[in-house]
Amino acid sequence: MIKYHRTSDNIIIAELTDDNFIISHAQDVLDIMGDIGTNGCNRIVFHEKNLHKDFFRLSTGLAGEILQKFSNYHFKLAIVGDFSQYHSKSMRDFIFESNKGNRIFFVENMDSALLKLK
């Protein structure tokens, strides 16, 4: 299920709210992008629980494959979760570098997600 938020600047931000939906393939993201794009939306919030555990194991390539779609199609993404549990240096570096950019953000709460995507 997708919930839409509208900022004070009239920007539409989608949020994946289905606790049972697990993104495990790039096609899952493309399907969501297609759905929200029809509503004039190019910003979305995923929750950590919606991403397959392989996403957080960079060696699987899933994170890179999924996040590349956001770059290719000019969408922005905020991922809400507790990322302190990931002790891999490569994952921590990946999160740090993503947060320095302007397309992909790893944040602690929904308020931060909406601010980053605004």
C-alpha atoms as a PDB file:
ATOM      1  CA  MET A   1       0.000   0.000   0.000  1.00  0.00           C
ATOM      2  CA  ILE A   2       1.226   3.471  -0.848  1.00  0.00           C
ATOM      3  CA  LYS A   3       0.445   6.518   1.261  1.00  0.00           C
ATOM      4  CA  TYR A   4       0.967   9.988  -0.221  1.00  0.00           C
ATOM      5  CA  HIS A   5       2.260  12.990   1.684  1.00  0.00           C
ATOM      6  CA  ARG A   6       2.068  16.533   0.332  1.00  0.00           C
ATOM      7  CA  THR A   7       4.627  19.032   1.621  1.00  0.00           C
ATOM      8  CA  SER A   8       3.967  22.729   2.212  1.00  0.00           C
ATOM      9  CA  ASP A   9       5.780  23.306  -1.108  1.00  0.00           C
ATOM     10  CA  ASN A  10       3.162  21.083  -2.801  1.00  0.00           C
ATOM     11  CA  ILE A  11       5.670  18.265  -3.402  1.00  0.00           C
ATOM     12  CA  ILE A  12       4.170  14.782  -3.394  1.00  0.00           C
ATOM     13  CA  ILE A  13       6.112  12.106  -1.524  1.00  0.00           C
ATOM     14  CA  ALA A  14       5.002   8.474  -1.586  1.00  0.00           C
ATOM     15  CA  GLU A  15       5.542   6.092   1.319  1.00  0.00           C
ATOM     16  CA  LEU A  16       5.459   2.317   1.072  1.00  0.00           C
ATOM     17  CA  THR A  17       3.360   1.357   4.099  1.00  0.00           C
ATOM     18  CA  ASP A  18       2.696  -2.331   3.444  1.00  0.00           C
ATOM     19  CA  ASP A  19       4.515  -4.199   6.230  1.00  0.00           C
ATOM     20  CA  ASN A  20       4.323  -7.451   4.259  1.00  0.00           C
ATOM     21  CA  PHE A  21       5.796  -6.174   0.990  1.00  0.00           C
ATOM     22  CA  ILE A  22       9.486  -7.054   0.650  1.00  0.00           C
ATOM     23  CA  ILE A  23      11.504  -5.513  -2.167  1.00  0.00           C
ATOM     24  CA  SER A  24      13.763  -8.289  -3.344  1.00  0.00           C
ATOM     25  CA  HIS A  25      14.268  -7.442  -7.032  1.00  0.00           C
ATOM     26  CA  ALA A  26      14.859  -4.298  -9.051  1.00  0.00           C
ATOM     27  CA  GLN A  27      11.589  -5.007 -10.866  1.00  0.00           C
ATOM     28  CA  ASP A  28       9.711  -4.462  -7.581  1.00  0.00           C
ATOM     29  CA  VAL A  29      11.083  -0.913  -7.497  1.00  0.00           C
ATOM     30  CA  LEU A  30      10.273  -0.299 -11.158  1.00  0.00           C
ATOM     31  CA  ASP A  31       6.676  -1.384 -10.532  1.00  0.00           C
ATOM     32  CA  ILE A  32       6.385   1.035  -7.599  1.00  0.00           C
ATOM     33  CA  MET A  33       7.964   3.850  -9.621  1.00  0.00           C
ATOM     34  CA  GLY A  34       5.475   3.238 -12.405  1.00  0.00           C
ATOM     35  CA  ASP A  35       2.552   3.345  -9.980  1.00  0.00           C
ATOM     36  CA  ILE A  36       3.572   6.512  -8.166  1.00  0.00           C
ATOM     37  CA  GLY A  37       4.794   8.190 -11.347  1.00  0.00           C
ATOM     38  CA  THR A  38       1.251   8.185 -12.692  1.00  0.00           C
ATOM     39  CA  ASN A  39       0.406  10.421  -9.721  1.00  0.00           C
ATOM     40  CA  GLY A  40       3.138  12.921 -10.600  1.00  0.00           C
ATOM     41  CA  CYS A  41       5.394  11.650  -7.837  1.00  0.00           C
ATOM     42  CA  ASN A  42       9.126  10.991  -8.085  1.00  0.00           C
ATOM     43  CA  ARG A  43      10.009  10.729  -4.388  1.00  0.00           C
ATOM     44  CA  ILE A  44       9.419   7.747  -2.166  1.00  0.00           C
ATOM     45  CA  VAL A  45      10.069   6.482   1.338  1.00  0.00           C
ATOM     46  CA  PHE A  46      10.855   2.845   1.989  1.00  0.00           C
ATOM     47  CA  HIS A  47      11.201   1.378   5.436  1.00  0.00           C
ATOM     48  CA  GLU A  48      14.125  -0.863   6.252  1.00  0.00           C
ATOM     49  CA  LYS A  49      11.712  -3.742   6.894  1.00  0.00           C
ATOM     50  CA  ASN A  50      10.518  -3.508   3.256  1.00  0.00           C
ATOM     51  CA  LEU A  51      13.985  -4.262   1.880  1.00  0.00           C
ATOM     52  CA  HIS A  52      15.205  -7.827   1.553  1.00  0.00           C
ATOM     53  CA  LYS A  53      18.116  -8.601   3.880  1.00  0.00           C
ATOM     54  CA  ASP A  54      20.363  -9.033   0.825  1.00  0.00           C
ATOM     55  CA  PHE A  55      20.007  -5.307   0.209  1.00  0.00           C
ATOM     56  CA  PHE A  56      22.189  -4.714   3.264  1.00  0.00           C
ATOM     57  CA  ARG A  57      24.834  -7.209   2.101  1.00  0.00           C
ATOM     58  CA  LEU A  58      26.560  -5.166  -0.561  1.00  0.00           C
ATOM     59  CA  SER A  59      28.311  -8.220  -1.983  1.00  0.00           C
ATOM     60  CA  THR A  60      24.954  -9.450  -3.350  1.00  0.00           C
ATOM     61  CA  GLY A  61      24.681  -6.428  -5.639  1.00  0.00           C
ATOM     62  CA  LEU A  62      20.993  -5.955  -4.790  1.00  0.00           C
ATOM     63  CA  ALA A  63      21.446  -2.480  -3.282  1.00  0.00           C
ATOM     64  CA  GLY A  64      23.387  -1.252  -6.281  1.00  0.00           C
ATOM     65  CA  GLU A  65      20.890  -2.726  -8.730  1.00  0.00           C
ATOM     66  CA  ILE A  66      17.916  -1.191  -6.920  1.00  0.00           C
ATOM     67  CA  LEU A  67      19.456   2.199  -6.245  1.00  0.00           C
ATOM     68  CA  GLN A  68      20.650   2.544  -9.827  1.00  0.00           C
ATOM     69  CA  LYS A  69      16.990   2.674 -10.854  1.00  0.00           C
ATOM     70  CA  PHE A  70      16.532   5.824  -8.786  1.00  0.00           C
ATOM     71  CA  SER A  71      19.386   7.491 -10.614  1.00  0.00           C
ATOM     72  CA  ASN A  72      18.285   6.282 -14.055  1.00  0.00           C
ATOM     73  CA  TYR A  73      14.709   7.506 -13.639  1.00  0.00           C
ATOM     74  CA  HIS A  74      15.442  10.664 -11.601  1.00  0.00           C
ATOM     75  CA  PHE A  75      13.584   9.536  -8.483  1.00  0.00           C
ATOM     76  CA  LYS A  76      14.597  10.307  -4.913  1.00  0.00           C
ATOM     77  CA  LEU A  77      14.499   7.768  -2.082  1.00  0.00           C
ATOM     78  CA  ALA A  78      14.670   7.916   1.681  1.00  0.00           C
ATOM     79  CA  ILE A  79      15.051   4.683   3.610  1.00  0.00           C
ATOM     80  CA  VAL A  80      13.850   4.864   7.215  1.00  0.00           C
ATOM     81  CA  GLY A  81      15.385   2.538   9.758  1.00  0.00           C
ATOM     82  CA  ASP A  82      17.924   1.837  12.459  1.00  0.00           C
ATOM     83  CA  PHE A  83      21.150   1.403  10.542  1.00  0.00           C
ATOM     84  CA  SER A  84      23.380   1.195  13.620  1.00  0.00           C
ATOM     85  CA  GLN A  85      22.926  -2.587  13.505  1.00  0.00           C
ATOM     86  CA  TYR A  86      25.022  -2.826  10.333  1.00  0.00           C
ATOM     87  CA  HIS A  87      28.633  -3.162  11.386  1.00  0.00           C
ATOM     88  CA  SER A  88      30.149  -3.836   7.977  1.00  0.00           C
ATOM     89  CA  LYS A  89      32.554  -1.030   7.091  1.00  0.00           C
ATOM     90  CA  SER A  90      31.477  -1.174   3.463  1.00  0.00           C
ATOM     91  CA  MET A  91      27.793  -0.787   4.390  1.00  0.00           C
ATOM     92  CA  ARG A  92      28.494   2.047   6.800  1.00  0.00           C
ATOM     93  CA  ASP A  93      30.596   3.802   4.138  1.00  0.00           C
ATOM     94  CA  PHE A  94      27.827   3.226   1.589  1.00  0.00           C
ATOM     95  CA  ILE A  95      25.256   4.847   3.886  1.00  0.00           C
ATOM     96  CA  PHE A  96      27.588   7.755   4.643  1.00  0.00           C
ATOM     97  CA  GLU A  97      28.309   8.417   0.962  1.00  0.00           C
ATOM     98  CA  SER A  98      24.640   8.107  -0.007  1.00  0.00           C
ATOM     99  CA  ASN A  99      23.661  10.669   2.607  1.00  0.00           C
ATOM    100  CA  LYS A 100      26.179  13.143   1.169  1.00  0.00           C
ATOM    101  CA  GLY A 101      24.385  13.083  -2.168  1.00  0.00           C
ATOM    102  CA  ASN A 102      20.981  14.397  -3.171  1.00  0.00           C
ATOM    103  CA  ARG A 103      19.117  11.300  -4.367  1.00  0.00           C
ATOM    104  CA  ILE A 104      19.352   8.478  -1.765  1.00  0.00           C
ATOM    105  CA  PHE A 105      19.086   9.012   1.995  1.00  0.00           C
ATOM    106  CA  PHE A 106      19.265   6.670   4.976  1.00  0.00           C
ATOM    107  CA  VAL A 107      17.401   8.312   7.871  1.00  0.00           C
ATOM    108  CA  GLU A 108      16.136   7.423  11.338  1.00  0.00           C
ATOM    109  CA  ASN A 109      12.520   8.563  11.126  1.00  0.00           C
ATOM    110  CA  MET A 110       9.736   9.654   8.831  1.00  0.00           C
ATOM    111  CA  ASP A 111      10.125  13.365   9.648  1.00  0.00           C
ATOM    112  CA  SER A 112      13.753  13.236   8.499  1.00  0.00           C
ATOM    113  CA  ALA A 113      12.728  11.378   5.363  1.00  0.00           C
ATOM    114  CA  LEU A 114      10.175  14.017   4.417  1.00  0.00           C
ATOM    115  CA  LEU A 115      12.684  16.813   5.038  1.00  0.00           C
ATOM    116  CA  LYS A 116      15.350  15.160   2.883  1.00  0.00           C
ATOM    117  CA  LEU A 117      12.943  14.525   0.021  1.00  0.00           C
ATOM    118  CA  LYS A 118      11.399  18.002   0.094  1.00  0.00           C
END
